[in-house]
């Protein structure tokens, strides 16, 4: 699981192409926090 910005997620995906990147495509910290909360709740 890779949590980070686009540059870091891109690096992780170059090594682990099947990595789960739940924050990919988020546009800011508020959206990232909302997505993490949804993950925690299983949504």
ModelCIF file with pLDDT and N, C-alpha, C, O atoms, coordinates in Angstrom:
data_MODEL
#
_entry.id   MODEL 
#
_entity.id                         1 
_entity.type                       polymer 
_entity.pdbx_number_of_molecules   1 
#
_entity_poly.entity_id                      1 
_entity_poly.type                           'polypeptide(L)' 
_entity_poly.nstd_linkage                   no 
_entity_poly.nstd_monomer                   no 
_entity_poly.pdbx_seq_one_letter_code       
;(UNK)(UNK)(UNK)(UNK)(UNK)(UNK)(UNK)(UNK)(UNK)(UNK)(UNK)(UNK)(UNK)(UNK)(UNK)(UNK)
(UNK)(UNK)(UNK)(UNK)(UNK)(UNK)(UNK)(UNK)(UNK)(UNK)(UNK)(UNK)(UNK)(UNK)(UNK)(UNK)
(UNK)(UNK)(UNK)(UNK)(UNK)(UNK)(UNK)(UNK)(UNK)(UNK)(UNK)
;
_entity_poly.pdbx_seq_one_letter_code_can   XXXXXXXXXXXXXXXXXXXXXXXXXXXXXXXXXXXXXXXXXXX 
_entity_poly.pdbx_strand_id                 A 
#
loop_
_entity_poly_seq.entity_id 
_entity_poly_seq.num 
_entity_poly_seq.mon_id 
_entity_poly_seq.hetero 
1 1  UNK n 
1 2  UNK n 
1 3  UNK n 
1 4  UNK n 
1 5  UNK n 
1 6  UNK n 
1 7  UNK n 
1 8  UNK n 
1 9  UNK n 
1 10 UNK n 
1 11 UNK n 
1 12 UNK n 
1 13 UNK n 
1 14 UNK n 
1 15 UNK n 
1 16 UNK n 
1 17 UNK n 
1 18 UNK n 
1 19 UNK n 
1 20 UNK n 
1 21 UNK n 
1 22 UNK n 
1 23 UNK n 
1 24 UNK n 
1 25 UNK n 
1 26 UNK n 
1 27 UNK n 
1 28 UNK n 
1 29 UNK n 
1 30 UNK n 
1 31 UNK n 
1 32 UNK n 
1 33 UNK n 
1 34 UNK n 
1 35 UNK n 
1 36 UNK n 
1 37 UNK n 
1 38 UNK n 
1 39 UNK n 
1 40 UNK n 
1 41 UNK n 
1 42 UNK n 
1 43 UNK n 
#
_struct_asym.id          A 
_struct_asym.entity_id   1 
#
loop_
_ma_qa_metric.id 
_ma_qa_metric.mode 
_ma_qa_metric.name 
_ma_qa_metric.software_group_id 
_ma_qa_metric.type 
1 global pLDDT . pLDDT 
2 local  pLDDT . pLDDT 
#
_ma_qa_metric_global.metric_id      1 
_ma_qa_metric_global.metric_value   88.67 
_ma_qa_metric_global.model_id       1 
_ma_qa_metric_global.ordinal_id     1 
#
loop_
_ma_qa_metric_local.label_asym_id 
_ma_qa_metric_local.label_comp_id 
_ma_qa_metric_local.label_seq_id 
_ma_qa_metric_local.metric_id 
_ma_qa_metric_local.metric_value 
_ma_qa_metric_local.model_id 
_ma_qa_metric_local.ordinal_id 
A UNK 1  2 88.00 1 1  
A UNK 2  2 90.00 1 2  
A UNK 3  2 88.00 1 3  
A UNK 4  2 84.00 1 4  
A UNK 5  2 81.00 1 5  
A UNK 6  2 81.00 1 6  
A UNK 7  2 85.00 1 7  
A UNK 8  2 87.00 1 8  
A UNK 9  2 88.00 1 9  
A UNK 10 2 89.00 1 10 
A UNK 11 2 92.00 1 11 
A UNK 12 2 91.00 1 12 
A UNK 13 2 91.00 1 13 
A UNK 14 2 93.00 1 14 
A UNK 15 2 92.00 1 15 
A UNK 16 2 90.00 1 16 
A UNK 17 2 90.00 1 17 
A UNK 18 2 90.00 1 18 
A UNK 19 2 91.00 1 19 
A UNK 20 2 90.00 1 20 
A UNK 21 2 89.00 1 21 
A UNK 22 2 88.00 1 22 
A UNK 23 2 88.00 1 23 
A UNK 24 2 86.00 1 24 
A UNK 25 2 85.00 1 25 
A UNK 26 2 87.00 1 26 
A UNK 27 2 88.00 1 27 
A UNK 28 2 88.00 1 28 
A UNK 29 2 89.00 1 29 
A UNK 30 2 92.00 1 30 
A UNK 31 2 91.00 1 31 
A UNK 32 2 90.00 1 32 
A UNK 33 2 91.00 1 33 
A UNK 34 2 92.00 1 34 
A UNK 35 2 90.00 1 35 
A UNK 36 2 90.00 1 36 
A UNK 37 2 93.00 1 37 
A UNK 38 2 91.00 1 38 
A UNK 39 2 89.00 1 39 
A UNK 40 2 90.00 1 40 
A UNK 41 2 90.00 1 41 
A UNK 42 2 87.00 1 42 
A UNK 43 2 78.00 1 43 
#
loop_
_atom_site.group_PDB 
_atom_site.id 
_atom_site.type_symbol 
_atom_site.label_atom_id 
_atom_site.label_alt_id 
_atom_site.label_comp_id 
_atom_site.label_asym_id 
_atom_site.label_entity_id 
_atom_site.label_seq_id 
_atom_site.pdbx_PDB_ins_code 
_atom_site.Cartn_x 
_atom_site.Cartn_y 
_atom_site.Cartn_z 
_atom_site.occupancy 
_atom_site.B_iso_or_equiv 
_atom_site.pdbx_formal_charge 
_atom_site.auth_seq_id 
_atom_site.auth_comp_id 
_atom_site.auth_asym_id 
_atom_site.auth_atom_id 
_atom_site.pdbx_PDB_model_num 
ATOM 1   N N  . UNK A 1 1  ? 0.865   -1.172 0.000   1.00 88.00 ? 1  UNK A N  1 
ATOM 2   C CA . UNK A 1 1  ? 0.000   0.000  0.000   1.00 88.00 ? 1  UNK A CA 1 
ATOM 3   C C  . UNK A 1 1  ? 0.906   1.227  0.000   1.00 88.00 ? 1  UNK A C  1 
ATOM 4   O O  . UNK A 1 1  ? 1.791   1.352  0.846   1.00 88.00 ? 1  UNK A O  1 
ATOM 5   N N  . UNK A 1 2  ? 0.682   2.127  -0.948  1.00 90.00 ? 2  UNK A N  1 
ATOM 6   C CA . UNK A 1 2  ? 1.483   3.346  -1.039  1.00 90.00 ? 2  UNK A CA 1 
ATOM 7   C C  . UNK A 1 2  ? 0.601   4.554  -0.787  1.00 90.00 ? 2  UNK A C  1 
ATOM 8   O O  . UNK A 1 2  ? -0.353  4.808  -1.523  1.00 90.00 ? 2  UNK A O  1 
ATOM 9   N N  . UNK A 1 3  ? 0.931   5.294  0.259   1.00 88.00 ? 3  UNK A N  1 
ATOM 10  C CA . UNK A 1 3  ? 0.228   6.533  0.573   1.00 88.00 ? 3  UNK A CA 1 
ATOM 11  C C  . UNK A 1 3  ? 1.198   7.678  0.324   1.00 88.00 ? 3  UNK A C  1 
ATOM 12  O O  . UNK A 1 3  ? 2.244   7.761  0.969   1.00 88.00 ? 3  UNK A O  1 
ATOM 13  N N  . UNK A 1 4  ? 0.862   8.544  -0.591  1.00 84.00 ? 4  UNK A N  1 
ATOM 14  C CA . UNK A 1 4  ? 1.747   9.669  -0.866  1.00 84.00 ? 4  UNK A CA 1 
ATOM 15  C C  . UNK A 1 4  ? 1.289   10.432 -2.085  1.00 84.00 ? 4  UNK A C  1 
ATOM 16  O O  . UNK A 1 4  ? 0.251   10.141 -2.681  1.00 84.00 ? 4  UNK A O  1 
ATOM 17  N N  . UNK A 1 5  ? 2.085   11.410 -2.436  1.00 81.00 ? 5  UNK A N  1 
ATOM 18  C CA . UNK A 1 5  ? 1.800   12.219 -3.605  1.00 81.00 ? 5  UNK A CA 1 
ATOM 19  C C  . UNK A 1 5  ? 2.128   11.480 -4.891  1.00 81.00 ? 5  UNK A C  1 
ATOM 20  O O  . UNK A 1 5  ? 2.631   10.357 -4.869  1.00 81.00 ? 5  UNK A O  1 
ATOM 21  N N  . UNK A 1 6  ? 1.838   12.120 -6.001  1.00 81.00 ? 6  UNK A N  1 
ATOM 22  C CA . UNK A 1 6  ? 1.989   11.487 -7.310  1.00 81.00 ? 6  UNK A CA 1 
ATOM 23  C C  . UNK A 1 6  ? 3.415   11.026 -7.571  1.00 81.00 ? 6  UNK A C  1 
ATOM 24  O O  . UNK A 1 6  ? 3.617   9.932  -8.098  1.00 81.00 ? 6  UNK A O  1 
ATOM 25  N N  . UNK A 1 7  ? 4.397   11.824 -7.219  1.00 85.00 ? 7  UNK A N  1 
ATOM 26  C CA . UNK A 1 7  ? 5.794   11.450 -7.466  1.00 85.00 ? 7  UNK A CA 1 
ATOM 27  C C  . UNK A 1 7  ? 6.183   10.194 -6.696  1.00 85.00 ? 7  UNK A C  1 
ATOM 28  O O  . UNK A 1 7  ? 6.816   9.291  -7.244  1.00 85.00 ? 7  UNK A O  1 
ATOM 29  N N  . UNK A 1 8  ? 5.799   10.143 -5.421  1.00 87.00 ? 8  UNK A N  1 
ATOM 30  C CA . UNK A 1 8  ? 6.151   8.982  -4.602  1.00 87.00 ? 8  UNK A CA 1 
ATOM 31  C C  . UNK A 1 8  ? 5.392   7.738  -5.039  1.00 87.00 ? 8  UNK A C  1 
ATOM 32  O O  . UNK A 1 8  ? 5.960   6.648  -5.101  1.00 87.00 ? 8  UNK A O  1 
ATOM 33  N N  . UNK A 1 9  ? 4.118   7.902  -5.338  1.00 88.00 ? 9  UNK A N  1 
ATOM 34  C CA . UNK A 1 9  ? 3.313   6.770  -5.798  1.00 88.00 ? 9  UNK A CA 1 
ATOM 35  C C  . UNK A 1 9  ? 3.856   6.253  -7.130  1.00 88.00 ? 9  UNK A C  1 
ATOM 36  O O  . UNK A 1 9  ? 3.895   5.043  -7.354  1.00 88.00 ? 9  UNK A O  1 
ATOM 37  N N  . UNK A 1 10 ? 4.272   7.155  -8.006  1.00 89.00 ? 10 UNK A N  1 
ATOM 38  C CA . UNK A 1 10 ? 4.864   6.745  -9.279  1.00 89.00 ? 10 UNK A CA 1 
ATOM 39  C C  . UNK A 1 10 ? 6.119   5.927  -9.075  1.00 89.00 ? 10 UNK A C  1 
ATOM 40  O O  . UNK A 1 10 ? 6.335   4.938  -9.775  1.00 89.00 ? 10 UNK A O  1 
ATOM 41  N N  . UNK A 1 11 ? 6.947   6.324  -8.128  1.00 92.00 ? 11 UNK A N  1 
ATOM 42  C CA . UNK A 1 11 ? 8.161   5.575  -7.815  1.00 92.00 ? 11 UNK A CA 1 
ATOM 43  C C  . UNK A 1 11 ? 7.817   4.186  -7.286  1.00 92.00 ? 11 UNK A C  1 
ATOM 44  O O  . UNK A 1 11 ? 8.399   3.189  -7.713  1.00 92.00 ? 11 UNK A O  1 
ATOM 45  N N  . UNK A 1 12 ? 6.873   4.129  -6.361  1.00 91.00 ? 12 UNK A N  1 
ATOM 46  C CA . UNK A 1 12 ? 6.467   2.828  -5.804  1.00 91.00 ? 12 UNK A CA 1 
ATOM 47  C C  . UNK A 1 12 ? 5.923   1.926  -6.909  1.00 91.00 ? 12 UNK A C  1 
ATOM 48  O O  . UNK A 1 12 ? 6.261   0.743  -6.970  1.00 91.00 ? 12 UNK A O  1 
ATOM 49  N N  . UNK A 1 13 ? 5.083   2.480  -7.779  1.00 91.00 ? 13 UNK A N  1 
ATOM 50  C CA . UNK A 1 13 ? 4.492   1.679  -8.859  1.00 91.00 ? 13 UNK A CA 1 
ATOM 51  C C  . UNK A 1 13 ? 5.531   1.202  -9.864  1.00 91.00 ? 13 UNK A C  1 
ATOM 52  O O  . UNK A 1 13 ? 5.321   0.180  -10.517 1.00 91.00 ? 13 UNK A O  1 
ATOM 53  N N  . UNK A 1 14 ? 6.647   1.914  -10.005 1.00 93.00 ? 14 UNK A N  1 
ATOM 54  C CA . UNK A 1 14 ? 7.699   1.448  -10.911 1.00 93.00 ? 14 UNK A CA 1 
ATOM 55  C C  . UNK A 1 14 ? 8.379   0.197  -10.358 1.00 93.00 ? 14 UNK A C  1 
ATOM 56  O O  . UNK A 1 14 ? 8.907   -0.614 -11.119 1.00 93.00 ? 14 UNK A O  1 
ATOM 57  N N  . UNK A 1 15 ? 8.366   0.042  -9.040  1.00 92.00 ? 15 UNK A N  1 
ATOM 58  C CA . UNK A 1 15 ? 8.973   -1.135 -8.405  1.00 92.00 ? 15 UNK A CA 1 
ATOM 59  C C  . UNK A 1 15 ? 7.927   -2.225 -8.159  1.00 92.00 ? 15 UNK A C  1 
ATOM 60  O O  . UNK A 1 15 ? 8.186   -3.407 -8.386  1.00 92.00 ? 15 UNK A O  1 
ATOM 61  N N  . UNK A 1 16 ? 6.744   -1.817 -7.692  1.00 90.00 ? 16 UNK A N  1 
ATOM 62  C CA . UNK A 1 16 ? 5.645   -2.739 -7.399  1.00 90.00 ? 16 UNK A CA 1 
ATOM 63  C C  . UNK A 1 16 ? 4.444   -2.319 -8.238  1.00 90.00 ? 16 UNK A C  1 
ATOM 64  O O  . UNK A 1 16 ? 3.615   -1.541 -7.763  1.00 90.00 ? 16 UNK A O  1 
ATOM 65  N N  . UNK A 1 17 ? 4.324   -2.808 -9.467  1.00 90.00 ? 17 UNK A N  1 
ATOM 66  C CA . UNK A 1 17 ? 3.239   -2.353 -10.348 1.00 90.00 ? 17 UNK A CA 1 
ATOM 67  C C  . UNK A 1 17 ? 1.839   -2.660 -9.834  1.00 90.00 ? 17 UNK A C  1 
ATOM 68  O O  . UNK A 1 17 ? 0.880   -2.020 -10.265 1.00 90.00 ? 17 UNK A O  1 
ATOM 69  N N  . UNK A 1 18 ? 1.695   -3.616 -8.933  1.00 90.00 ? 18 UNK A N  1 
ATOM 70  C CA . UNK A 1 18 ? 0.371   -3.974 -8.423  1.00 90.00 ? 18 UNK A CA 1 
ATOM 71  C C  . UNK A 1 18 ? 0.083   -3.348 -7.060  1.00 90.00 ? 18 UNK A C  1 
ATOM 72  O O  . UNK A 1 18 ? -0.832  -3.783 -6.361  1.00 90.00 ? 18 UNK A O  1 
ATOM 73  N N  . UNK A 1 19 ? 0.852   -2.338 -6.680  1.00 91.00 ? 19 UNK A N  1 
ATOM 74  C CA . UNK A 1 19 ? 0.651   -1.684 -5.387  1.00 91.00 ? 19 UNK A CA 1 
ATOM 75  C C  . UNK A 1 19 ? -0.721  -1.019 -5.344  1.00 91.00 ? 19 UNK A C  1 
ATOM 76  O O  . UNK A 1 19 ? -1.197  -0.484 -6.345  1.00 91.00 ? 19 UNK A O  1 
ATOM 77  N N  . UNK A 1 20 ? -1.342  -1.059 -4.181  1.00 90.00 ? 20 UNK A N  1 
ATOM 78  C CA . UNK A 1 20 ? -2.615  -0.389 -3.949  1.00 90.00 ? 20 UNK A CA 1 
ATOM 79  C C  . UNK A 1 20 ? -2.303  1.057  -3.585  1.00 90.00 ? 20 UNK A C  1 
ATOM 80  O O  . UNK A 1 20 ? -1.604  1.311  -2.604  1.00 90.00 ? 20 UNK A O  1 
ATOM 81  N N  . UNK A 1 21 ? -2.809  1.994  -4.355  1.00 89.00 ? 21 UNK A N  1 
ATOM 82  C CA . UNK A 1 21 ? -2.521  3.415  -4.139  1.00 89.00 ? 21 UNK A CA 1 
ATOM 83  C C  . UNK A 1 21 ? -3.836  4.172  -3.940  1.00 89.00 ? 21 UNK A C  1 
ATOM 84  O O  . UNK A 1 21 ? -4.327  4.831  -4.857  1.00 89.00 ? 21 UNK A O  1 
ATOM 85  N N  . UNK A 1 22 ? -4.398  4.072  -2.735  1.00 88.00 ? 22 UNK A N  1 
ATOM 86  C CA . UNK A 1 22 ? -5.737  4.624  -2.512  1.00 88.00 ? 22 UNK A CA 1 
ATOM 87  C C  . UNK A 1 22 ? -5.834  6.143  -2.603  1.00 88.00 ? 22 UNK A C  1 
ATOM 88  O O  . UNK A 1 22 ? -6.935  6.675  -2.740  1.00 88.00 ? 22 UNK A O  1 
ATOM 89  N N  . UNK A 1 23 ? -4.714  6.849  -2.530  1.00 88.00 ? 23 UNK A N  1 
ATOM 90  C CA . UNK A 1 23 ? -4.779  8.312  -2.597  1.00 88.00 ? 23 UNK A CA 1 
ATOM 91  C C  . UNK A 1 23 ? -4.481  8.851  -3.991  1.00 88.00 ? 23 UNK A C  1 
ATOM 92  O O  . UNK A 1 23 ? -4.482  10.064 -4.198  1.00 88.00 ? 23 UNK A O  1 
ATOM 93  N N  . UNK A 1 24 ? -4.230  7.976  -4.932  1.00 86.00 ? 24 UNK A N  1 
ATOM 94  C CA . UNK A 1 24 ? -3.946  8.422  -6.299  1.00 86.00 ? 24 UNK A CA 1 
ATOM 95  C C  . UNK A 1 24 ? -5.142  9.198  -6.836  1.00 86.00 ? 24 UNK A C  1 
ATOM 96  O O  . UNK A 1 24 ? -6.287  8.763  -6.713  1.00 86.00 ? 24 UNK A O  1 
ATOM 97  N N  . UNK A 1 25 ? -4.863  10.341 -7.427  1.00 85.00 ? 25 UNK A N  1 
ATOM 98  C CA . UNK A 1 25 ? -5.921  11.143 -8.017  1.00 85.00 ? 25 UNK A CA 1 
ATOM 99  C C  . UNK A 1 25 ? -6.569  12.146 -7.076  1.00 85.00 ? 25 UNK A C  1 
ATOM 100 O O  . UNK A 1 25 ? -7.425  12.923 -7.499  1.00 85.00 ? 25 UNK A O  1 
ATOM 101 N N  . UNK A 1 26 ? -6.174  12.142 -5.803  1.00 87.00 ? 26 UNK A N  1 
ATOM 102 C CA . UNK A 1 26 ? -6.746  13.136 -4.893  1.00 87.00 ? 26 UNK A CA 1 
ATOM 103 C C  . UNK A 1 26 ? -6.126  14.495 -5.177  1.00 87.00 ? 26 UNK A C  1 
ATOM 104 O O  . UNK A 1 26 ? -4.997  14.588 -5.659  1.00 87.00 ? 26 UNK A O  1 
ATOM 105 N N  . UNK A 1 27 ? -6.877  15.545 -4.872  1.00 88.00 ? 27 UNK A N  1 
ATOM 106 C CA . UNK A 1 27 ? -6.438  16.894 -5.223  1.00 88.00 ? 27 UNK A CA 1 
ATOM 107 C C  . UNK A 1 27 ? -5.946  17.722 -4.048  1.00 88.00 ? 27 UNK A C  1 
ATOM 108 O O  . UNK A 1 27 ? -5.613  18.891 -4.239  1.00 88.00 ? 27 UNK A O  1 
ATOM 109 N N  . UNK A 1 28 ? -5.886  17.188 -2.880  1.00 88.00 ? 28 UNK A N  1 
ATOM 110 C CA . UNK A 1 28 ? -5.402  17.960 -1.738  1.00 88.00 ? 28 UNK A CA 1 
ATOM 111 C C  . UNK A 1 28 ? -5.574  17.186 -0.443  1.00 88.00 ? 28 UNK A C  1 
ATOM 112 O O  . UNK A 1 28 ? -6.123  16.084 -0.428  1.00 88.00 ? 28 UNK A O  1 
ATOM 113 N N  . UNK A 1 29 ? -5.095  17.781 0.644   1.00 89.00 ? 29 UNK A N  1 
ATOM 114 C CA . UNK A 1 29 ? -5.126  17.100 1.941   1.00 89.00 ? 29 UNK A CA 1 
ATOM 115 C C  . UNK A 1 29 ? -6.545  16.783 2.399   1.00 89.00 ? 29 UNK A C  1 
ATOM 116 O O  . UNK A 1 29 ? -6.774  15.720 2.976   1.00 89.00 ? 29 UNK A O  1 
ATOM 117 N N  . UNK A 1 30 ? -7.496  17.672 2.161   1.00 92.00 ? 30 UNK A N  1 
ATOM 118 C CA . UNK A 1 30 ? -8.870  17.414 2.580   1.00 92.00 ? 30 UNK A CA 1 
ATOM 119 C C  . UNK A 1 30 ? -9.435  16.180 1.896   1.00 92.00 ? 30 UNK A C  1 
ATOM 120 O O  . UNK A 1 30 ? -10.073 15.342 2.532   1.00 92.00 ? 30 UNK A O  1 
ATOM 121 N N  . UNK A 1 31 ? -9.196  16.079 0.607   1.00 91.00 ? 31 UNK A N  1 
ATOM 122 C CA . UNK A 1 31 ? -9.682  14.921 -0.138  1.00 91.00 ? 31 UNK A CA 1 
ATOM 123 C C  . UNK A 1 31 ? -8.938  13.645 0.289   1.00 91.00 ? 31 UNK A C  1 
ATOM 124 O O  . UNK A 1 31 ? -9.531  12.568 0.355   1.00 91.00 ? 31 UNK A O  1 
ATOM 125 N N  . UNK A 1 32 ? -7.633  13.776 0.577   1.00 90.00 ? 32 UNK A N  1 
ATOM 126 C CA . UNK A 1 32 ? -6.876  12.617 1.049   1.00 90.00 ? 32 UNK A CA 1 
ATOM 127 C C  . UNK A 1 32 ? -7.407  12.132 2.391   1.00 90.00 ? 32 UNK A C  1 
ATOM 128 O O  . UNK A 1 32 ? -7.561  10.929 2.602   1.00 90.00 ? 32 UNK A O  1 
ATOM 129 N N  . UNK A 1 33 ? -7.688  13.062 3.299   1.00 91.00 ? 33 UNK A N  1 
ATOM 130 C CA . UNK A 1 33 ? -8.201  12.678 4.614   1.00 91.00 ? 33 UNK A CA 1 
ATOM 131 C C  . UNK A 1 33 ? -9.577  12.022 4.493   1.00 91.00 ? 33 UNK A C  1 
ATOM 132 O O  . UNK A 1 33 ? -9.871  11.061 5.203   1.00 91.00 ? 33 UNK A O  1 
ATOM 133 N N  . UNK A 1 34 ? -10.413 12.537 3.599   1.00 92.00 ? 34 UNK A N  1 
ATOM 134 C CA . UNK A 1 34 ? -11.736 11.936 3.385   1.00 92.00 ? 34 UNK A CA 1 
ATOM 135 C C  . UNK A 1 34 ? -11.595 10.521 2.832   1.00 92.00 ? 34 UNK A C  1 
ATOM 136 O O  . UNK A 1 34 ? -12.317 9.614  3.245   1.00 92.00 ? 34 UNK A O  1 
ATOM 137 N N  . UNK A 1 35 ? -10.671 10.336 1.905   1.00 90.00 ? 35 UNK A N  1 
ATOM 138 C CA . UNK A 1 35 ? -10.475 9.000  1.334   1.00 90.00 ? 35 UNK A CA 1 
ATOM 139 C C  . UNK A 1 35 ? -9.931  8.036  2.383   1.00 90.00 ? 35 UNK A C  1 
ATOM 140 O O  . UNK A 1 35 ? -10.349 6.879  2.426   1.00 90.00 ? 35 UNK A O  1 
ATOM 141 N N  . UNK A 1 36 ? -9.007  8.491  3.229   1.00 90.00 ? 36 UNK A N  1 
ATOM 142 C CA . UNK A 1 36 ? -8.481  7.636  4.301   1.00 90.00 ? 36 UNK A CA 1 
ATOM 143 C C  . UNK A 1 36 ? -9.584  7.264  5.292   1.00 90.00 ? 36 UNK A C  1 
ATOM 144 O O  . UNK A 1 36 ? -9.633  6.131  5.770   1.00 90.00 ? 36 UNK A O  1 
ATOM 145 N N  . UNK A 1 37 ? -10.465 8.210  5.600   1.00 93.00 ? 37 UNK A N  1 
ATOM 146 C CA . UNK A 1 37 ? -11.589 7.912  6.499   1.00 93.00 ? 37 UNK A CA 1 
ATOM 147 C C  . UNK A 1 37 ? -12.512 6.882  5.871   1.00 93.00 ? 37 UNK A C  1 
ATOM 148 O O  . UNK A 1 37 ? -12.999 5.987  6.561   1.00 93.00 ? 37 UNK A O  1 
ATOM 149 N N  . UNK A 1 38 ? -12.759 6.997  4.570   1.00 91.00 ? 38 UNK A N  1 
ATOM 150 C CA . UNK A 1 38 ? -13.604 6.011  3.871   1.00 91.00 ? 38 UNK A CA 1 
ATOM 151 C C  . UNK A 1 38 ? -12.942 4.639  3.886   1.00 91.00 ? 38 UNK A C  1 
ATOM 152 O O  . UNK A 1 38 ? -13.621 3.626  4.052   1.00 91.00 ? 38 UNK A O  1 
ATOM 153 N N  . UNK A 1 39 ? -11.620 4.597  3.714   1.00 89.00 ? 39 UNK A N  1 
ATOM 154 C CA . UNK A 1 39 ? -10.894 3.322  3.801   1.00 89.00 ? 39 UNK A CA 1 
ATOM 155 C C  . UNK A 1 39 ? -11.063 2.696  5.176   1.00 89.00 ? 39 UNK A C  1 
ATOM 156 O O  . UNK A 1 39 ? -11.334 1.502  5.304   1.00 89.00 ? 39 UNK A O  1 
ATOM 157 N N  . UNK A 1 40 ? -10.899 3.522  6.197   1.00 90.00 ? 40 UNK A N  1 
ATOM 158 C CA . UNK A 1 40 ? -11.010 3.036  7.573   1.00 90.00 ? 40 UNK A CA 1 
ATOM 159 C C  . UNK A 1 40 ? -12.393 2.449  7.830   1.00 90.00 ? 40 UNK A C  1 
ATOM 160 O O  . UNK A 1 40 ? -12.523 1.464  8.558   1.00 90.00 ? 40 UNK A O  1 
ATOM 161 N N  . UNK A 1 41 ? -13.421 3.043  7.242   1.00 90.00 ? 41 UNK A N  1 
ATOM 162 C CA . UNK A 1 41 ? -14.787 2.589  7.441   1.00 90.00 ? 41 UNK A CA 1 
ATOM 163 C C  . UNK A 1 41 ? -15.170 1.461  6.470   1.00 90.00 ? 41 UNK A C  1 
ATOM 164 O O  . UNK A 1 41 ? -16.271 0.916  6.546   1.00 90.00 ? 41 UNK A O  1 
ATOM 165 N N  . UNK A 1 42 ? -14.254 1.119  5.563   1.00 87.00 ? 42 UNK A N  1 
ATOM 166 C CA . UNK A 1 42 ? -14.503 0.006  4.640   1.00 87.00 ? 42 UNK A CA 1 
ATOM 167 C C  . UNK A 1 42 ? -15.293 0.363  3.405   1.00 87.00 ? 42 UNK A C  1 
ATOM 168 O O  . UNK A 1 42 ? -15.875 -0.520 2.774   1.00 87.00 ? 42 UNK A O  1 
ATOM 169 N N  . UNK A 1 43 ? -15.333 1.653  3.034   1.00 78.00 ? 43 UNK A N  1 
ATOM 170 C CA . UNK A 1 43 ? -16.128 2.081  1.885   1.00 78.00 ? 43 UNK A CA 1 
ATOM 171 C C  . UNK A 1 43 ? -15.350 2.159  0.574   1.00 78.00 ? 43 UNK A C  1 
ATOM 172 O O  . UNK A 1 43 ? -15.917 2.509  -0.461  1.00 78.00 ? 43 UNK A O  1 
#
